[in-house]
Amino acid sequence: MTSYLDRDSSPSVRQRSREIALVELVDEHGHAIAQTTVAEAHRPPGLLHRAFSVVLFTSSGRVLLQQRAVTKVRFAGQWGPSCCGHYVPGMSVEDCAAIRMREELGLVDVPFQVVGECQYRVPDETGGQVESEFNHVVAGICDATPQPDPDEVAAVRWMEIPSVFAELAAGNRAYAVWLNDVLPVAVSWHERSCGRLP
């Protein structure tokens, strides 16, 4: 079986083209202050910009994680939320999230909502860049089978929530650091809305 590590790890044309897309810079309260390119926002020391992370749960309470494709510009090959992306100026977070769920996971018509926010500043030790994000956490319920785009996603898996928290607590470097900030926000919503997770 071919591992994601066996693939060419150079960023794809599609990944490189996203580096010139615009993102919205914000202050610590999430108020828009300017725009810049994706590439510029991630140059050290990193500029705080608006982004989102989607966390999908099954009706039984498992969470969908994705392993980022090895061709990603940042945090390649690490396990993160179900789907992530940058807010596109002039669009809603909900519309941006729906587009990325379709592009990355092949999922459409998934019921979801924005459930909270978090901020983090995380250096990418292998890529020499910095992720400084004002992150809108999006959560929803999905029992459909993802059809991931291999240019975006190396693998997906449904996991029990306690298992993910245990991996994060152990400092497992296979997981993207920002999952520590995103996951509790989504789990808190799930517990309030769908009953306590097993």
N, C-alpha and C. Protein backbone atom coordinates (compact mmCIF):
# COMPACT_ATOMS: atom_id res chain seq x y z
N MET A 1 0.85 -1.19 0.00
CA MET A 1 0.00 0.00 0.00
C MET A 1 0.89 1.24 0.00
N THR A 2 0.52 2.24 -0.77
CA THR A 2 1.31 3.45 -0.87
C THR A 2 1.01 4.37 0.30
N SER A 3 2.05 4.83 0.96
CA SER A 3 1.91 5.77 2.06
C SER A 3 1.92 7.19 1.52
N TYR A 4 1.33 8.12 2.28
CA TYR A 4 1.38 9.51 1.86
C TYR A 4 2.82 10.00 1.81
N LEU A 5 3.72 9.35 2.58
CA LEU A 5 5.12 9.74 2.59
C LEU A 5 5.83 9.37 1.30
N ASP A 6 5.24 8.45 0.52
CA ASP A 6 5.84 8.03 -0.74
C ASP A 6 5.53 9.01 -1.88
N ARG A 7 4.62 9.93 -1.64
CA ARG A 7 4.23 10.86 -2.68
C ARG A 7 5.23 12.02 -2.76
N ASP A 8 5.28 12.67 -3.91
CA ASP A 8 6.10 13.87 -4.08
C ASP A 8 5.58 14.92 -3.09
N SER A 9 6.49 15.45 -2.28
CA SER A 9 6.05 16.38 -1.24
C SER A 9 6.11 17.83 -1.68
N SER A 10 6.42 18.11 -2.94
CA SER A 10 6.44 19.48 -3.42
C SER A 10 5.01 20.01 -3.48
N PRO A 11 4.81 21.26 -3.04
CA PRO A 11 3.46 21.82 -3.15
C PRO A 11 2.96 21.78 -4.59
N SER A 12 1.70 21.39 -4.74
CA SER A 12 1.12 21.29 -6.07
C SER A 12 0.86 22.68 -6.64
N VAL A 13 0.54 22.72 -7.94
CA VAL A 13 0.21 23.99 -8.58
C VAL A 13 -0.97 24.64 -7.88
N ARG A 14 -1.98 23.82 -7.52
CA ARG A 14 -3.15 24.36 -6.86
C ARG A 14 -2.79 24.95 -5.49
N GLN A 15 -1.93 24.23 -4.74
CA GLN A 15 -1.53 24.72 -3.43
C GLN A 15 -0.74 26.03 -3.56
N ARG A 16 0.17 26.08 -4.51
CA ARG A 16 0.98 27.30 -4.69
C ARG A 16 0.11 28.47 -5.13
N SER A 17 -0.91 28.20 -5.96
CA SER A 17 -1.76 29.29 -6.45
C SER A 17 -2.55 29.94 -5.30
N ARG A 18 -2.83 29.17 -4.27
CA ARG A 18 -3.58 29.73 -3.13
C ARG A 18 -2.76 30.74 -2.34
N GLU A 19 -1.44 30.70 -2.50
CA GLU A 19 -0.57 31.61 -1.74
C GLU A 19 -0.76 33.06 -2.13
N ILE A 20 -1.33 33.32 -3.32
CA ILE A 20 -1.54 34.71 -3.73
C ILE A 20 -2.97 35.18 -3.46
N ALA A 21 -3.81 34.29 -2.93
CA ALA A 21 -5.18 34.67 -2.57
C ALA A 21 -5.14 35.65 -1.40
N LEU A 22 -6.18 36.46 -1.29
CA LEU A 22 -6.25 37.44 -0.21
C LEU A 22 -6.88 36.85 1.04
N VAL A 23 -6.36 37.26 2.19
CA VAL A 23 -6.96 36.96 3.48
C VAL A 23 -7.21 38.26 4.20
N GLU A 24 -8.08 38.20 5.20
CA GLU A 24 -8.44 39.38 5.97
C GLU A 24 -7.63 39.44 7.26
N LEU A 25 -6.86 40.50 7.43
CA LEU A 25 -6.14 40.71 8.68
C LEU A 25 -7.09 41.33 9.70
N VAL A 26 -6.95 40.90 10.95
CA VAL A 26 -7.84 41.37 12.01
C VAL A 26 -7.03 41.76 13.23
N ASP A 27 -7.68 42.52 14.15
CA ASP A 27 -7.07 42.79 15.44
C ASP A 27 -7.44 41.66 16.40
N GLU A 28 -7.00 41.77 17.64
CA GLU A 28 -7.24 40.68 18.60
C GLU A 28 -8.70 40.48 18.94
N HIS A 29 -9.56 41.43 18.55
CA HIS A 29 -11.00 41.29 18.78
C HIS A 29 -11.74 40.77 17.55
N GLY A 30 -10.99 40.50 16.48
CA GLY A 30 -11.60 39.99 15.27
C GLY A 30 -12.12 41.04 14.33
N HIS A 31 -11.76 42.32 14.56
CA HIS A 31 -12.21 43.39 13.68
C HIS A 31 -11.25 43.51 12.49
N ALA A 32 -11.81 43.56 11.29
CA ALA A 32 -11.00 43.65 10.08
C ALA A 32 -10.20 44.95 10.06
N ILE A 33 -8.90 44.83 9.70
CA ILE A 33 -8.05 46.02 9.65
C ILE A 33 -7.36 46.17 8.29
N ALA A 34 -7.22 45.10 7.53
CA ALA A 34 -6.52 45.17 6.25
C ALA A 34 -6.66 43.83 5.53
N GLN A 35 -6.07 43.76 4.35
CA GLN A 35 -5.99 42.51 3.61
C GLN A 35 -4.56 42.31 3.14
N THR A 36 -4.18 41.05 2.97
CA THR A 36 -2.88 40.72 2.42
C THR A 36 -2.97 39.34 1.79
N THR A 37 -1.89 38.88 1.20
CA THR A 37 -1.90 37.55 0.59
C THR A 37 -1.69 36.48 1.65
N VAL A 38 -2.09 35.26 1.31
CA VAL A 38 -1.87 34.13 2.20
C VAL A 38 -0.38 34.01 2.53
N ALA A 39 0.46 34.12 1.51
CA ALA A 39 1.91 33.98 1.72
C ALA A 39 2.43 35.01 2.70
N GLU A 40 2.02 36.26 2.53
CA GLU A 40 2.52 37.33 3.41
C GLU A 40 2.01 37.14 4.84
N ALA A 41 0.78 36.69 5.00
CA ALA A 41 0.22 36.51 6.34
C ALA A 41 0.97 35.45 7.14
N HIS A 42 1.62 34.51 6.44
CA HIS A 42 2.30 33.41 7.12
C HIS A 42 3.81 33.58 7.24
N ARG A 43 4.33 34.69 6.72
CA ARG A 43 5.77 34.94 6.90
C ARG A 43 6.02 35.33 8.35
N PRO A 44 7.11 34.83 8.95
CA PRO A 44 7.43 35.21 10.34
C PRO A 44 7.51 36.73 10.46
N PRO A 45 6.95 37.30 11.51
CA PRO A 45 6.44 36.63 12.72
C PRO A 45 4.98 36.19 12.62
N GLY A 46 4.36 36.34 11.44
CA GLY A 46 2.96 35.95 11.26
C GLY A 46 2.01 37.10 11.53
N LEU A 47 1.04 37.29 10.66
CA LEU A 47 0.04 38.35 10.81
C LEU A 47 -1.30 37.71 11.16
N LEU A 48 -1.96 38.24 12.18
CA LEU A 48 -3.24 37.68 12.62
C LEU A 48 -4.28 37.84 11.53
N HIS A 49 -4.84 36.72 11.09
CA HIS A 49 -5.80 36.75 10.00
C HIS A 49 -6.98 35.82 10.31
N ARG A 50 -8.09 36.08 9.62
CA ARG A 50 -9.31 35.32 9.85
C ARG A 50 -9.26 33.99 9.11
N ALA A 51 -9.64 32.93 9.82
CA ALA A 51 -9.68 31.59 9.23
C ALA A 51 -10.84 30.83 9.86
N PHE A 52 -11.01 29.59 9.45
CA PHE A 52 -12.05 28.76 10.06
C PHE A 52 -11.57 27.32 10.09
N SER A 53 -12.11 26.57 11.04
CA SER A 53 -11.88 25.12 11.13
C SER A 53 -13.23 24.45 11.29
N VAL A 54 -13.47 23.43 10.48
CA VAL A 54 -14.71 22.66 10.54
C VAL A 54 -14.44 21.38 11.33
N VAL A 55 -15.32 21.09 12.29
CA VAL A 55 -15.23 19.85 13.06
C VAL A 55 -16.57 19.13 12.89
N LEU A 56 -16.52 17.97 12.25
CA LEU A 56 -17.73 17.20 12.01
C LEU A 56 -17.80 16.00 12.94
N PHE A 57 -19.00 15.77 13.47
CA PHE A 57 -19.27 14.65 14.36
C PHE A 57 -20.27 13.71 13.69
N THR A 58 -20.15 12.42 13.97
CA THR A 58 -21.22 11.50 13.59
C THR A 58 -22.34 11.64 14.59
N SER A 59 -23.49 11.09 14.26
CA SER A 59 -24.61 11.14 15.20
C SER A 59 -24.31 10.34 16.47
N SER A 60 -23.33 9.43 16.40
CA SER A 60 -22.94 8.66 17.58
C SER A 60 -21.84 9.34 18.38
N GLY A 61 -21.32 10.48 17.89
CA GLY A 61 -20.39 11.26 18.67
C GLY A 61 -18.93 11.14 18.30
N ARG A 62 -18.58 10.38 17.28
CA ARG A 62 -17.18 10.35 16.84
C ARG A 62 -16.87 11.61 16.03
N VAL A 63 -15.59 11.95 15.96
CA VAL A 63 -15.18 13.16 15.25
C VAL A 63 -14.33 12.79 14.04
N LEU A 64 -14.52 13.53 12.96
CA LEU A 64 -13.76 13.31 11.74
C LEU A 64 -12.49 14.15 11.75
N LEU A 65 -11.35 13.48 11.64
CA LEU A 65 -10.07 14.17 11.49
C LEU A 65 -9.54 13.92 10.08
N GLN A 66 -8.78 14.88 9.59
CA GLN A 66 -8.13 14.69 8.30
C GLN A 66 -6.62 14.83 8.46
N GLN A 67 -5.91 14.01 7.70
CA GLN A 67 -4.46 14.16 7.61
C GLN A 67 -4.18 15.02 6.39
N ARG A 68 -3.54 16.15 6.64
CA ARG A 68 -3.27 17.10 5.57
C ARG A 68 -2.33 16.47 4.53
N ALA A 69 -2.60 16.72 3.27
CA ALA A 69 -1.79 16.16 2.20
C ALA A 69 -0.33 16.57 2.36
N VAL A 70 0.55 15.72 1.92
CA VAL A 70 1.98 16.00 2.00
C VAL A 70 2.35 17.16 1.08
N THR A 71 1.50 17.51 0.14
CA THR A 71 1.75 18.63 -0.77
C THR A 71 1.28 19.97 -0.21
N LYS A 72 0.73 19.98 1.01
CA LYS A 72 0.33 21.24 1.63
C LYS A 72 1.57 22.11 1.88
N VAL A 73 1.39 23.42 1.77
CA VAL A 73 2.50 24.35 2.00
C VAL A 73 2.89 24.38 3.47
N ARG A 74 1.90 24.28 4.36
CA ARG A 74 2.15 24.34 5.81
C ARG A 74 1.59 23.11 6.50
N PHE A 75 2.31 22.65 7.50
CA PHE A 75 1.87 21.53 8.36
C PHE A 75 1.48 20.30 7.53
N ALA A 76 2.26 20.04 6.51
CA ALA A 76 1.99 18.90 5.62
C ALA A 76 2.05 17.59 6.40
N GLY A 77 1.08 16.71 6.12
CA GLY A 77 1.07 15.38 6.71
C GLY A 77 0.56 15.30 8.14
N GLN A 78 0.20 16.43 8.75
CA GLN A 78 -0.28 16.39 10.13
C GLN A 78 -1.80 16.19 10.17
N TRP A 79 -2.25 15.60 11.27
CA TRP A 79 -3.69 15.39 11.48
C TRP A 79 -4.29 16.65 12.09
N GLY A 80 -5.41 17.08 11.53
CA GLY A 80 -6.08 18.28 12.02
C GLY A 80 -7.58 18.11 12.02
N PRO A 81 -8.31 19.22 12.16
CA PRO A 81 -9.77 19.16 12.14
C PRO A 81 -10.29 18.57 10.83
N SER A 82 -11.59 18.38 10.76
CA SER A 82 -12.20 17.78 9.57
C SER A 82 -11.81 18.54 8.30
N CYS A 83 -11.73 19.86 8.41
CA CYS A 83 -11.49 20.72 7.26
C CYS A 83 -11.08 22.09 7.77
N CYS A 84 -10.18 22.74 7.10
CA CYS A 84 -9.75 24.09 7.48
C CYS A 84 -9.67 24.98 6.24
N GLY A 85 -9.68 26.27 6.47
CA GLY A 85 -9.52 27.18 5.35
C GLY A 85 -9.40 28.62 5.81
N HIS A 86 -9.08 29.49 4.87
CA HIS A 86 -9.00 30.91 5.14
C HIS A 86 -10.30 31.58 4.71
N TYR A 87 -10.72 32.52 5.50
CA TYR A 87 -11.89 33.34 5.16
C TYR A 87 -11.57 34.15 3.92
N VAL A 88 -12.49 34.15 2.98
CA VAL A 88 -12.34 34.94 1.76
C VAL A 88 -13.03 36.28 1.97
N PRO A 89 -12.30 37.39 1.91
CA PRO A 89 -12.95 38.69 2.12
C PRO A 89 -14.17 38.87 1.22
N GLY A 90 -15.26 39.32 1.84
CA GLY A 90 -16.51 39.54 1.10
C GLY A 90 -17.47 38.38 1.13
N MET A 91 -17.02 37.23 1.65
CA MET A 91 -17.90 36.07 1.79
C MET A 91 -18.19 35.82 3.26
N SER A 92 -19.22 35.02 3.53
CA SER A 92 -19.50 34.63 4.92
C SER A 92 -18.62 33.44 5.29
N VAL A 93 -18.40 33.28 6.58
CA VAL A 93 -17.66 32.12 7.06
C VAL A 93 -18.39 30.84 6.65
N GLU A 94 -19.73 30.86 6.75
CA GLU A 94 -20.51 29.68 6.39
C GLU A 94 -20.32 29.28 4.92
N ASP A 95 -20.32 30.26 4.03
CA ASP A 95 -20.13 29.95 2.62
C ASP A 95 -18.72 29.41 2.36
N CYS A 96 -17.73 30.02 3.01
CA CYS A 96 -16.35 29.55 2.85
C CYS A 96 -16.21 28.12 3.35
N ALA A 97 -16.83 27.82 4.48
CA ALA A 97 -16.74 26.47 5.05
C ALA A 97 -17.41 25.46 4.13
N ALA A 98 -18.56 25.80 3.58
CA ALA A 98 -19.26 24.87 2.69
C ALA A 98 -18.43 24.58 1.44
N ILE A 99 -17.77 25.59 0.91
CA ILE A 99 -16.93 25.40 -0.27
C ILE A 99 -15.77 24.47 0.05
N ARG A 100 -15.09 24.69 1.18
CA ARG A 100 -13.93 23.87 1.52
C ARG A 100 -14.33 22.44 1.87
N MET A 101 -15.49 22.24 2.48
CA MET A 101 -15.94 20.87 2.74
C MET A 101 -16.16 20.11 1.44
N ARG A 102 -16.70 20.81 0.45
CA ARG A 102 -16.89 20.17 -0.85
C ARG A 102 -15.54 19.91 -1.53
N GLU A 103 -14.65 20.91 -1.50
CA GLU A 103 -13.35 20.77 -2.18
C GLU A 103 -12.47 19.72 -1.52
N GLU A 104 -12.38 19.75 -0.20
CA GLU A 104 -11.46 18.85 0.49
C GLU A 104 -12.03 17.46 0.71
N LEU A 105 -13.32 17.40 1.09
CA LEU A 105 -13.89 16.14 1.55
C LEU A 105 -14.99 15.58 0.64
N GLY A 106 -15.38 16.34 -0.37
CA GLY A 106 -16.45 15.88 -1.24
C GLY A 106 -17.80 15.82 -0.55
N LEU A 107 -17.98 16.61 0.51
CA LEU A 107 -19.22 16.61 1.28
C LEU A 107 -20.06 17.84 0.95
N VAL A 108 -21.34 17.62 0.68
CA VAL A 108 -22.26 18.71 0.41
C VAL A 108 -23.50 18.55 1.27
N ASP A 109 -24.18 19.65 1.48
CA ASP A 109 -25.44 19.66 2.25
C ASP A 109 -25.26 19.11 3.66
N VAL A 110 -24.13 19.38 4.28
CA VAL A 110 -23.90 18.99 5.67
C VAL A 110 -24.43 20.10 6.57
N PRO A 111 -25.32 19.77 7.52
CA PRO A 111 -25.80 20.81 8.44
C PRO A 111 -24.69 21.22 9.41
N PHE A 112 -24.43 22.52 9.50
CA PHE A 112 -23.36 23.00 10.38
C PHE A 112 -23.67 24.43 10.80
N GLN A 113 -22.90 24.91 11.77
CA GLN A 113 -23.02 26.30 12.21
C GLN A 113 -21.71 26.74 12.84
N VAL A 114 -21.52 28.06 12.88
CA VAL A 114 -20.37 28.63 13.58
C VAL A 114 -20.68 28.55 15.07
N VAL A 115 -19.78 27.93 15.84
CA VAL A 115 -20.08 27.66 17.26
C VAL A 115 -19.14 28.37 18.23
N GLY A 116 -18.15 29.07 17.73
CA GLY A 116 -17.25 29.78 18.62
C GLY A 116 -16.01 30.25 17.89
N GLU A 117 -15.07 30.76 18.66
CA GLU A 117 -13.83 31.30 18.11
C GLU A 117 -12.67 30.92 19.00
N CYS A 118 -11.48 30.95 18.43
CA CYS A 118 -10.25 30.79 19.20
C CYS A 118 -9.13 31.48 18.44
N GLN A 119 -8.06 31.78 19.15
CA GLN A 119 -6.89 32.39 18.53
C GLN A 119 -5.66 31.58 18.89
N TYR A 120 -4.73 31.52 17.97
CA TYR A 120 -3.47 30.83 18.24
C TYR A 120 -2.39 31.37 17.32
N ARG A 121 -1.17 31.18 17.77
CA ARG A 121 0.00 31.51 16.96
C ARG A 121 0.91 30.30 17.02
N VAL A 122 1.09 29.61 15.88
CA VAL A 122 1.80 28.34 15.84
C VAL A 122 2.86 28.38 14.75
N PRO A 123 4.14 28.20 15.10
CA PRO A 123 5.15 28.11 14.05
C PRO A 123 5.14 26.74 13.38
N ASP A 124 5.34 26.73 12.07
CA ASP A 124 5.49 25.49 11.33
C ASP A 124 6.98 25.17 11.31
N GLU A 125 7.41 24.23 12.14
CA GLU A 125 8.82 23.97 12.33
C GLU A 125 9.50 23.47 11.07
N THR A 126 8.77 22.79 10.20
CA THR A 126 9.40 22.25 8.99
C THR A 126 9.35 23.24 7.83
N GLY A 127 8.36 24.11 7.83
CA GLY A 127 8.21 25.03 6.70
C GLY A 127 8.72 26.43 6.94
N GLY A 128 9.09 26.74 8.19
CA GLY A 128 9.62 28.06 8.50
C GLY A 128 8.60 29.17 8.42
N GLN A 129 7.31 28.83 8.52
CA GLN A 129 6.26 29.84 8.48
C GLN A 129 5.51 29.86 9.81
N VAL A 130 4.57 30.79 9.92
CA VAL A 130 3.83 30.96 11.18
C VAL A 130 2.35 31.04 10.87
N GLU A 131 1.56 30.28 11.63
CA GLU A 131 0.10 30.32 11.54
C GLU A 131 -0.40 31.17 12.69
N SER A 132 -0.87 32.37 12.39
CA SER A 132 -1.41 33.27 13.40
C SER A 132 -2.85 33.56 13.01
N GLU A 133 -3.79 32.88 13.67
CA GLU A 133 -5.17 32.90 13.19
C GLU A 133 -6.19 33.30 14.25
N PHE A 134 -7.16 34.08 13.80
CA PHE A 134 -8.41 34.31 14.53
C PHE A 134 -9.38 33.33 13.89
N ASN A 135 -9.60 32.21 14.56
CA ASN A 135 -10.26 31.06 13.95
C ASN A 135 -11.72 30.95 14.35
N HIS A 136 -12.59 30.90 13.37
CA HIS A 136 -14.01 30.65 13.59
C HIS A 136 -14.22 29.14 13.56
N VAL A 137 -14.70 28.58 14.64
CA VAL A 137 -14.91 27.13 14.73
C VAL A 137 -16.31 26.80 14.23
N VAL A 138 -16.37 25.94 13.24
CA VAL A 138 -17.62 25.50 12.61
C VAL A 138 -17.82 24.04 12.98
N ALA A 139 -19.03 23.68 13.40
CA ALA A 139 -19.29 22.29 13.78
C ALA A 139 -20.59 21.81 13.17
N GLY A 140 -20.68 20.50 12.95
CA GLY A 140 -21.89 19.94 12.39
C GLY A 140 -21.94 18.44 12.57
N ILE A 141 -23.05 17.87 12.14
CA ILE A 141 -23.28 16.43 12.24
C ILE A 141 -23.27 15.84 10.83
N CYS A 142 -22.50 14.78 10.65
CA CYS A 142 -22.37 14.18 9.33
C CYS A 142 -22.17 12.68 9.46
N ASP A 143 -23.05 11.90 8.87
CA ASP A 143 -22.89 10.45 8.82
C ASP A 143 -22.55 9.97 7.41
N ALA A 144 -22.29 10.91 6.51
CA ALA A 144 -21.92 10.55 5.14
C ALA A 144 -20.45 10.13 5.10
N THR A 145 -20.08 9.42 4.04
CA THR A 145 -18.70 8.99 3.86
C THR A 145 -17.93 10.04 3.06
N PRO A 146 -16.88 10.60 3.63
CA PRO A 146 -16.10 11.60 2.88
C PRO A 146 -15.45 10.99 1.64
N GLN A 147 -15.30 11.82 0.62
CA GLN A 147 -14.60 11.44 -0.60
C GLN A 147 -13.47 12.46 -0.78
N PRO A 148 -12.38 12.31 -0.03
CA PRO A 148 -11.36 13.36 -0.01
C PRO A 148 -10.60 13.50 -1.31
N ASP A 149 -10.22 14.75 -1.59
CA ASP A 149 -9.37 15.07 -2.73
C ASP A 149 -7.93 14.81 -2.30
N PRO A 150 -7.21 13.92 -2.97
CA PRO A 150 -5.84 13.58 -2.55
C PRO A 150 -4.86 14.75 -2.63
N ASP A 151 -5.19 15.79 -3.39
CA ASP A 151 -4.33 16.97 -3.43
C ASP A 151 -4.46 17.79 -2.15
N GLU A 152 -5.54 17.55 -1.41
CA GLU A 152 -5.81 18.28 -0.17
C GLU A 152 -5.62 17.40 1.07
N VAL A 153 -5.99 16.13 0.94
CA VAL A 153 -6.12 15.26 2.11
C VAL A 153 -5.41 13.94 1.86
N ALA A 154 -4.52 13.57 2.78
CA ALA A 154 -3.83 12.28 2.66
C ALA A 154 -4.69 11.13 3.15
N ALA A 155 -5.47 11.38 4.21
CA ALA A 155 -6.32 10.34 4.80
C ALA A 155 -7.34 11.00 5.72
N VAL A 156 -8.41 10.27 6.02
CA VAL A 156 -9.40 10.71 7.01
C VAL A 156 -9.67 9.55 7.96
N ARG A 157 -10.12 9.88 9.14
CA ARG A 157 -10.55 8.84 10.07
C ARG A 157 -11.51 9.43 11.09
N TRP A 158 -12.49 8.59 11.48
CA TRP A 158 -13.43 8.94 12.54
C TRP A 158 -12.84 8.42 13.85
N MET A 159 -12.77 9.26 14.87
CA MET A 159 -12.16 8.87 16.14
C MET A 159 -13.09 9.18 17.30
N GLU A 160 -12.93 8.41 18.37
CA GLU A 160 -13.64 8.73 19.61
C GLU A 160 -12.98 9.96 20.23
N ILE A 161 -13.79 10.86 20.76
CA ILE A 161 -13.27 12.12 21.30
C ILE A 161 -12.23 11.89 22.41
N PRO A 162 -12.48 11.01 23.39
CA PRO A 162 -11.46 10.82 24.43
C PRO A 162 -10.11 10.38 23.87
N SER A 163 -10.13 9.61 22.81
CA SER A 163 -8.88 9.15 22.20
C SER A 163 -8.09 10.32 21.61
N VAL A 164 -8.81 11.24 20.97
CA VAL A 164 -8.13 12.41 20.39
C VAL A 164 -7.53 13.27 21.50
N PHE A 165 -8.33 13.53 22.54
CA PHE A 165 -7.81 14.34 23.65
C PHE A 165 -6.60 13.67 24.29
N ALA A 166 -6.60 12.35 24.38
CA ALA A 166 -5.47 11.64 24.97
C ALA A 166 -4.22 11.81 24.11
N GLU A 167 -4.38 11.75 22.78
CA GLU A 167 -3.25 11.94 21.88
C GLU A 167 -2.69 13.36 22.02
N LEU A 168 -3.58 14.34 22.11
CA LEU A 168 -3.14 15.73 22.25
C LEU A 168 -2.44 15.95 23.58
N ALA A 169 -2.99 15.38 24.64
CA ALA A 169 -2.39 15.54 25.97
C ALA A 169 -1.00 14.91 26.02
N ALA A 170 -0.80 13.86 25.24
CA ALA A 170 0.50 13.19 25.22
C ALA A 170 1.51 13.93 24.35
N GLY A 171 1.05 14.99 23.68
CA GLY A 171 1.95 15.78 22.83
C GLY A 171 2.33 15.08 21.54
N ASN A 172 1.44 14.23 21.04
CA ASN A 172 1.72 13.50 19.80
C ASN A 172 1.92 14.50 18.66
N ARG A 173 3.12 14.52 18.10
CA ARG A 173 3.48 15.50 17.07
C ARG A 173 2.85 15.21 15.71
N ALA A 174 2.12 14.11 15.60
CA ALA A 174 1.41 13.82 14.36
C ALA A 174 0.18 14.72 14.21
N TYR A 175 -0.22 15.37 15.31
CA TYR A 175 -1.42 16.20 15.30
C TYR A 175 -1.04 17.68 15.21
N ALA A 176 -1.78 18.42 14.40
CA ALA A 176 -1.56 19.86 14.29
C ALA A 176 -1.83 20.51 15.64
N VAL A 177 -0.94 21.40 16.05
CA VAL A 177 -1.01 21.99 17.38
C VAL A 177 -2.33 22.73 17.60
N TRP A 178 -2.86 23.37 16.55
CA TRP A 178 -4.07 24.16 16.75
C TRP A 178 -5.31 23.31 17.04
N LEU A 179 -5.21 22.01 16.87
CA LEU A 179 -6.33 21.14 17.25
C LEU A 179 -6.61 21.26 18.75
N ASN A 180 -5.57 21.57 19.53
CA ASN A 180 -5.75 21.80 20.97
C ASN A 180 -6.69 22.96 21.26
N ASP A 181 -6.74 23.94 20.37
CA ASP A 181 -7.59 25.11 20.57
C ASP A 181 -8.97 24.93 19.94
N VAL A 182 -8.99 24.29 18.78
CA VAL A 182 -10.24 24.15 18.02
C VAL A 182 -11.17 23.09 18.61
N LEU A 183 -10.61 21.92 18.93
CA LEU A 183 -11.46 20.79 19.33
C LEU A 183 -12.30 21.07 20.57
N PRO A 184 -11.76 21.67 21.65
CA PRO A 184 -12.61 21.92 22.82
C PRO A 184 -13.81 22.80 22.53
N VAL A 185 -13.65 23.77 21.63
CA VAL A 185 -14.78 24.64 21.28
C VAL A 185 -15.89 23.83 20.62
N ALA A 186 -15.51 22.96 19.68
CA ALA A 186 -16.50 22.14 18.98
C ALA A 186 -17.14 21.11 19.89
N VAL A 187 -16.34 20.48 20.74
CA VAL A 187 -16.86 19.46 21.66
C VAL A 187 -17.84 20.10 22.66
N SER A 188 -17.51 21.30 23.12
CA SER A 188 -18.42 22.00 24.03
C SER A 188 -19.77 22.23 23.38
N TRP A 189 -19.76 22.64 22.10
CA TRP A 189 -21.03 22.80 21.37
C TRP A 189 -21.76 21.48 21.28
N HIS A 190 -21.04 20.40 20.96
CA HIS A 190 -21.68 19.10 20.80
C HIS A 190 -22.31 18.63 22.10
N GLU A 191 -21.63 18.85 23.20
CA GLU A 191 -22.16 18.43 24.50
C GLU A 191 -23.43 19.22 24.85
N ARG A 192 -23.43 20.51 24.51
CA ARG A 192 -24.61 21.33 24.80
C ARG A 192 -25.77 20.96 23.89
N SER A 193 -25.47 20.64 22.64
CA SER A 193 -26.51 20.47 21.64
C SER A 193 -26.97 19.04 21.44
N CYS A 194 -26.07 18.09 21.65
CA CYS A 194 -26.37 16.71 21.27
C CYS A 194 -26.21 15.72 22.41
N GLY A 195 -26.02 16.18 23.61
CA GLY A 195 -25.80 15.27 24.72
C GLY A 195 -24.32 15.01 24.92
N ARG A 196 -23.96 14.64 26.10
CA ARG A 196 -22.54 14.43 26.43
C ARG A 196 -21.95 13.29 25.61
N LEU A 197 -20.73 13.52 25.15
CA LEU A 197 -20.05 12.51 24.35
C LEU A 197 -19.64 11.32 25.23
N PRO A 198 -19.56 10.13 24.63
CA PRO A 198 -19.14 8.95 25.41
C PRO A 198 -17.69 9.07 25.84
